[in-house]
Amino acid sequence: LIISTVVQGYGINDLDNPCLRECTG
């Protein structure tokens, strides 16, 4: 979990929500 956070950097959290997806309408 920590390594995943380090790879992505600081400041953007909680992006595992299923609502983050390709928006198709």
PDB file of all heavy atoms in Angstrom:
ATOM      1  N   LEU A   1       0.828  -1.202   0.000  1.00  0.00           N
ATOM      2  CA  LEU A   1       0.000   0.000   0.000  1.00  0.00           C
ATOM      3  C   LEU A   1       0.862   1.250   0.000  1.00  0.00           C
ATOM      4  O   LEU A   1       0.642   2.195  -0.766  1.00  0.00           O
ATOM      5  CB  LEU A   1      -0.919  -0.008   1.227  1.00  0.00           C
ATOM      6  CG  LEU A   1      -1.740   1.272   1.473  1.00  0.00           C
ATOM      7  CD1 LEU A   1      -2.695   1.527   0.308  1.00  0.00           C
ATOM      8  CD2 LEU A   1      -2.508   1.178   2.779  1.00  0.00           C
ATOM      9  N   ILE A   2       1.897   1.245   0.853  1.00  0.00           N
ATOM     10  CA  ILE A   2       2.768   2.407   0.935  1.00  0.00           C
ATOM     11  C   ILE A   2       3.536   2.601  -0.361  1.00  0.00           C
ATOM     12  O   ILE A   2       3.663   3.715  -0.882  1.00  0.00           O
ATOM     13  CB  ILE A   2       3.731   2.272   2.123  1.00  0.00           C
ATOM     14  CG1 ILE A   2       2.935   2.216   3.440  1.00  0.00           C
ATOM     15  CG2 ILE A   2       4.730   3.412   2.159  1.00  0.00           C
ATOM     16  CD1 ILE A   2       3.772   1.886   4.648  1.00  0.00           C
ATOM     17  N   ILE A   3       4.055   1.519  -0.934  1.00  0.00           N
ATOM     18  CA  ILE A   3       4.795   1.618  -2.189  1.00  0.00           C
ATOM     19  C   ILE A   3       3.912   2.190  -3.283  1.00  0.00           C
ATOM     20  O   ILE A   3       4.326   3.039  -4.077  1.00  0.00           O
ATOM     21  CB  ILE A   3       5.348   0.243  -2.592  1.00  0.00           C
ATOM     22  CG1 ILE A   3       6.477  -0.161  -1.631  1.00  0.00           C
ATOM     23  CG2 ILE A   3       5.866   0.258  -4.022  1.00  0.00           C
ATOM     24  CD1 ILE A   3       6.926  -1.606  -1.788  1.00  0.00           C
ATOM     25  N   SER A   4       2.650   1.750  -3.336  1.00  0.00           N
ATOM     26  CA  SER A   4       1.710   2.292  -4.335  1.00  0.00           C
ATOM     27  C   SER A   4       1.559   3.785  -4.166  1.00  0.00           C
ATOM     28  O   SER A   4       1.540   4.552  -5.137  1.00  0.00           O
ATOM     29  CB  SER A   4       0.352   1.605  -4.200  1.00  0.00           C
ATOM     30  OG  SER A   4      -0.591   2.198  -5.059  1.00  0.00           O
ATOM     31  N   THR A   5       1.475   4.237  -2.905  1.00  0.00           N
ATOM     32  CA  THR A   5       1.349   5.667  -2.641  1.00  0.00           C
ATOM     33  C   THR A   5       2.602   6.405  -3.087  1.00  0.00           C
ATOM     34  O   THR A   5       2.534   7.477  -3.686  1.00  0.00           O
ATOM     35  CB  THR A   5       1.106   5.909  -1.145  1.00  0.00           C
ATOM     36  OG1 THR A   5      -0.009   5.132  -0.727  1.00  0.00           O
ATOM     37  CG2 THR A   5       0.843   7.372  -0.854  1.00  0.00           C
ATOM     38  N   VAL A   6       3.780   5.842  -2.794  1.00  0.00           N
ATOM     39  CA  VAL A   6       5.029   6.493  -3.171  1.00  0.00           C
ATOM     40  C   VAL A   6       5.137   6.637  -4.677  1.00  0.00           C
ATOM     41  O   VAL A   6       5.519   7.682  -5.198  1.00  0.00           O
ATOM     42  CB  VAL A   6       6.232   5.689  -2.620  1.00  0.00           C
ATOM     43  CG1 VAL A   6       7.532   6.229  -3.186  1.00  0.00           C
ATOM     44  CG2 VAL A   6       6.263   5.745  -1.098  1.00  0.00           C
ATOM     45  N   VAL A   7       4.762   5.593  -5.399  1.00  0.00           N
ATOM     46  CA  VAL A   7       4.849   5.632  -6.856  1.00  0.00           C
ATOM     47  C   VAL A   7       4.009   6.758  -7.426  1.00  0.00           C
ATOM     48  O   VAL A   7       4.404   7.470  -8.340  1.00  0.00           O
ATOM     49  CB  VAL A   7       4.423   4.269  -7.447  1.00  0.00           C
ATOM     50  CG1 VAL A   7       4.239   4.372  -8.951  1.00  0.00           C
ATOM     51  CG2 VAL A   7       5.467   3.208  -7.126  1.00  0.00           C
ATOM     52  N   GLN A   8       2.817   6.968  -6.858  1.00  0.00           N
ATOM     53  CA  GLN A   8       1.914   7.962  -7.410  1.00  0.00           C
ATOM     54  C   GLN A   8       2.208   9.364  -6.900  1.00  0.00           C
ATOM     55  O   GLN A   8       1.710  10.322  -7.457  1.00  0.00           O
ATOM     56  CB  GLN A   8       0.458   7.590  -7.059  1.00  0.00           C
ATOM     57  CG  GLN A   8       0.007   6.258  -7.648  1.00  0.00           C
ATOM     58  CD  GLN A   8       0.030   6.253  -9.158  1.00  0.00           C
ATOM     59  OE1 GLN A   8       0.151   7.285  -9.791  1.00  0.00           O
ATOM     60  NE2 GLN A   8      -0.067   5.074  -9.747  1.00  0.00           N
ATOM     61  N   GLY A   9       2.981   9.516  -5.830  1.00  0.00           N
ATOM     62  CA  GLY A   9       3.306  10.837  -5.332  1.00  0.00           C
ATOM     63  C   GLY A   9       2.325  11.303  -4.269  1.00  0.00           C
ATOM     64  O   GLY A   9       1.494  10.559  -3.780  1.00  0.00           O
ATOM     65  N   TYR A  10       2.455  12.583  -3.916  1.00  0.00           N
ATOM     66  CA  TYR A  10       1.649  13.157  -2.851  1.00  0.00           C
ATOM     67  C   TYR A  10       0.310  13.678  -3.377  1.00  0.00           C
ATOM     68  O   TYR A  10       0.122  13.933  -4.545  1.00  0.00           O
ATOM     69  CB  TYR A  10       2.376  14.358  -2.235  1.00  0.00           C
ATOM     70  CG  TYR A  10       3.693  14.053  -1.581  1.00  0.00           C
ATOM     71  CD1 TYR A  10       4.893  14.339  -2.221  1.00  0.00           C
ATOM     72  CD2 TYR A  10       3.735  13.515  -0.304  1.00  0.00           C
ATOM     73  CE1 TYR A  10       6.105  14.107  -1.604  1.00  0.00           C
ATOM     74  CE2 TYR A  10       4.945  13.269   0.324  1.00  0.00           C
ATOM     75  CZ  TYR A  10       6.126  13.572  -0.327  1.00  0.00           C
ATOM     76  OH  TYR A  10       7.325  13.343   0.286  1.00  0.00           O
ATOM     77  N   GLY A  11      -0.616  13.882  -2.433  1.00  0.00           N
ATOM     78  CA  GLY A  11      -1.710  14.817  -2.624  1.00  0.00           C
ATOM     79  C   GLY A  11      -2.957  14.337  -3.302  1.00  0.00           C
ATOM     80  O   GLY A  11      -3.956  15.036  -3.287  1.00  0.00           O
ATOM     81  N   ILE A  12      -2.990  13.175  -3.926  1.00  0.00           N
ATOM     82  CA  ILE A  12      -4.209  12.680  -4.568  1.00  0.00           C
ATOM     83  C   ILE A  12      -4.574  11.374  -3.887  1.00  0.00           C
ATOM     84  O   ILE A  12      -3.876  10.367  -4.041  1.00  0.00           O
ATOM     85  CB  ILE A  12      -4.010  12.463  -6.076  1.00  0.00           C
ATOM     86  CG1 ILE A  12      -3.544  13.748  -6.743  1.00  0.00           C
ATOM     87  CG2 ILE A  12      -5.293  11.981  -6.708  1.00  0.00           C
ATOM     88  CD1 ILE A  12      -4.541  14.884  -6.701  1.00  0.00           C
ATOM     89  N   ASN A  13      -5.653  11.389  -3.129  1.00  0.00           N
ATOM     90  CA  ASN A  13      -5.998  10.245  -2.302  1.00  0.00           C
ATOM     91  C   ASN A  13      -7.380   9.710  -2.665  1.00  0.00           C
ATOM     92  O   ASN A  13      -8.193  10.379  -3.300  1.00  0.00           O
ATOM     93  CB  ASN A  13      -5.985  10.662  -0.824  1.00  0.00           C
ATOM     94  CG  ASN A  13      -4.663  11.284  -0.412  1.00  0.00           C
ATOM     95  OD1 ASN A  13      -3.645  10.613  -0.413  1.00  0.00           O
ATOM     96  ND2 ASN A  13      -4.673  12.569  -0.094  1.00  0.00           N
ATOM     97  N   ASP A  14      -7.649   8.503  -2.226  1.00  0.00           N
ATOM     98  CA  ASP A  14      -8.958   7.859  -2.372  1.00  0.00           C
ATOM     99  C   ASP A  14      -9.361   7.678  -3.831  1.00  0.00           C
ATOM    100  O   ASP A  14     -10.515   7.897  -4.202  1.00  0.00           O
ATOM    101  CB  ASP A  14     -10.044   8.664  -1.632  1.00  0.00           C
ATOM    102  CG  ASP A  14      -9.965   8.447  -0.128  1.00  0.00           C
ATOM    103  OD1 ASP A  14      -8.976   7.845   0.317  1.00  0.00           O
ATOM    104  OD2 ASP A  14     -10.881   8.869   0.594  1.00  0.00           O
ATOM    105  N   LEU A  15      -8.425   7.281  -4.675  1.00  0.00           N
ATOM    106  CA  LEU A  15      -8.750   7.073  -6.079  1.00  0.00           C
ATOM    107  C   LEU A  15      -9.070   5.614  -6.381  1.00  0.00           C
ATOM    108  O   LEU A  15      -9.059   5.205  -7.539  1.00  0.00           O
ATOM    109  CB  LEU A  15      -7.589   7.566  -6.958  1.00  0.00           C
ATOM    110  CG  LEU A  15      -7.346   9.078  -6.901  1.00  0.00           C
ATOM    111  CD1 LEU A  15      -6.323   9.499  -7.934  1.00  0.00           C
ATOM    112  CD2 LEU A  15      -8.631   9.879  -7.085  1.00  0.00           C
ATOM    113  N   ASP A  16      -9.382   4.855  -5.344  1.00  0.00           N
ATOM    114  CA  ASP A  16      -9.817   3.478  -5.563  1.00  0.00           C
ATOM    115  C   ASP A  16     -11.336   3.362  -5.579  1.00  0.00           C
ATOM    116  O   ASP A  16     -11.887   2.274  -5.647  1.00  0.00           O
ATOM    117  CB  ASP A  16      -9.245   2.567  -4.478  1.00  0.00           C
ATOM    118  CG  ASP A  16      -9.617   3.017  -3.068  1.00  0.00           C
ATOM    119  OD1 ASP A  16     -10.134   4.148  -2.930  1.00  0.00           O
ATOM    120  OD2 ASP A  16      -9.383   2.258  -2.113  1.00  0.00           O
ATOM    121  N   ASN A  17     -12.039   4.497  -5.547  1.00  0.00           N
ATOM    122  CA  ASN A  17     -13.496   4.474  -5.601  1.00  0.00           C
ATOM    123  C   ASN A  17     -13.948   4.040  -6.986  1.00  0.00           C
ATOM    124  O   ASN A  17     -13.410   4.515  -8.001  1.00  0.00           O
ATOM    125  CB  ASN A  17     -14.053   5.861  -5.262  1.00  0.00           C
ATOM    126  CG  ASN A  17     -15.542   5.843  -4.997  1.00  0.00           C
ATOM    127  OD1 ASN A  17     -16.340   5.647  -5.909  1.00  0.00           O
ATOM    128  ND2 ASN A  17     -15.923   6.054  -3.747  1.00  0.00           N
ATOM    129  N   PRO A  18     -14.935   3.143  -7.095  1.00  0.00           N
ATOM    130  CA  PRO A  18     -15.376   2.677  -8.421  1.00  0.00           C
ATOM    131  C   PRO A  18     -15.945   3.774  -9.303  1.00  0.00           C
ATOM    132  O   PRO A  18     -16.059   3.587 -10.517  1.00  0.00           O
ATOM    133  CB  PRO A  18     -16.436   1.623  -8.082  1.00  0.00           C
ATOM    134  CG  PRO A  18     -16.867   1.922  -6.686  1.00  0.00           C
ATOM    135  CD  PRO A  18     -15.654   2.471  -5.998  1.00  0.00           C
ATOM    136  N   CYS A  19     -16.278   4.919  -8.717  1.00  0.00           N
ATOM    137  CA  CYS A  19     -16.819   6.014  -9.533  1.00  0.00           C
ATOM    138  C   CYS A  19     -15.748   6.695 -10.376  1.00  0.00           C
ATOM    139  O   CYS A  19     -16.075   7.439 -11.306  1.00  0.00           O
ATOM    140  CB  CYS A  19     -17.516   7.035  -8.649  1.00  0.00           C
ATOM    141  SG  CYS A  19     -19.106   6.458  -8.012  1.00  0.00           S
ATOM    142  N   LEU A  20     -14.477   6.463 -10.062  1.00  0.00           N
ATOM    143  CA  LEU A  20     -13.402   6.941 -10.937  1.00  0.00           C
ATOM    144  C   LEU A  20     -13.288   5.949 -12.086  1.00  0.00           C
ATOM    145  O   LEU A  20     -12.721   4.865 -11.944  1.00  0.00           O
ATOM    146  CB  LEU A  20     -12.087   7.048 -10.175  1.00  0.00           C
ATOM    147  CG  LEU A  20     -10.867   7.439 -11.015  1.00  0.00           C
ATOM    148  CD1 LEU A  20     -11.090   8.752 -11.739  1.00  0.00           C
ATOM    149  CD2 LEU A  20      -9.622   7.523 -10.143  1.00  0.00           C
ATOM    150  N   ARG A  21     -13.818   6.333 -13.240  1.00  0.00           N
ATOM    151  CA  ARG A  21     -13.933   5.419 -14.373  1.00  0.00           C
ATOM    152  C   ARG A  21     -13.987   6.238 -15.644  1.00  0.00           C
ATOM    153  O   ARG A  21     -14.066   7.478 -15.607  1.00  0.00           O
ATOM    154  CB  ARG A  21     -15.216   4.592 -14.246  1.00  0.00           C
ATOM    155  CG  ARG A  21     -16.492   5.443 -14.352  1.00  0.00           C
ATOM    156  CD  ARG A  21     -17.694   4.729 -13.785  1.00  0.00           C
ATOM    157  NE  ARG A  21     -18.969   5.376 -14.093  1.00  0.00           N
ATOM    158  CZ  ARG A  21     -19.455   6.413 -13.424  1.00  0.00           C
ATOM    159  NH1 ARG A  21     -18.773   6.971 -12.441  1.00  0.00           N
ATOM    160  NH2 ARG A  21     -20.642   6.929 -13.753  1.00  0.00           N
ATOM    161  N   GLU A  22     -13.957   5.562 -16.772  1.00  0.00           N
ATOM    162  CA  GLU A  22     -14.166   6.255 -18.041  1.00  0.00           C
ATOM    163  C   GLU A  22     -15.628   6.663 -18.119  1.00  0.00           C
ATOM    164  O   GLU A  22     -16.530   5.847 -17.899  1.00  0.00           O
ATOM    165  CB  GLU A  22     -13.810   5.353 -19.212  1.00  0.00           C
ATOM    166  CG  GLU A  22     -13.981   6.047 -20.564  1.00  0.00           C
ATOM    167  CD  GLU A  22     -13.643   5.133 -21.728  1.00  0.00           C
ATOM    168  OE1 GLU A  22     -13.218   3.986 -21.477  1.00  0.00           O
ATOM    169  OE2 GLU A  22     -13.811   5.577 -22.881  1.00  0.00           O
ATOM    170  N   CYS A  23     -15.853   7.931 -18.436  1.00  0.00           N
ATOM    171  CA  CYS A  23     -17.224   8.452 -18.486  1.00  0.00           C
ATOM    172  C   CYS A  23     -17.788   8.253 -19.892  1.00  0.00           C
ATOM    173  O   CYS A  23     -17.273   8.810 -20.867  1.00  0.00           O
ATOM    174  CB  CYS A  23     -17.255   9.924 -18.094  1.00  0.00           C
ATOM    175  SG  CYS A  23     -16.653  10.224 -16.411  1.00  0.00           S
ATOM    176  N   THR A  24     -18.827   7.452 -19.983  1.00  0.00           N
ATOM    177  CA  THR A  24     -19.386   7.087 -21.290  1.00  0.00           C
ATOM    178  C   THR A  24     -20.774   7.660 -21.512  1.00  0.00           C
ATOM    179  O   THR A  24     -21.349   7.461 -22.582  1.00  0.00           O
ATOM    180  CB  THR A  24     -19.450   5.559 -21.421  1.00  0.00           C
ATOM    181  OG1 THR A  24     -20.301   5.034 -20.393  1.00  0.00           O
ATOM    182  CG2 THR A  24     -18.054   4.952 -21.292  1.00  0.00           C
ATOM    183  N   GLY A  25     -21.330   8.336 -20.505  1.00  0.00           N
ATOM    184  CA  GLY A  25     -22.692   8.828 -20.629  1.00  0.00           C
ATOM    185  C   GLY A  25     -23.730   7.787 -20.297  1.00  0.00           C
ATOM    186  O   GLY A  25     -24.925   7.999 -20.517  1.00  0.00           O
TER     187      GLY A  25
END
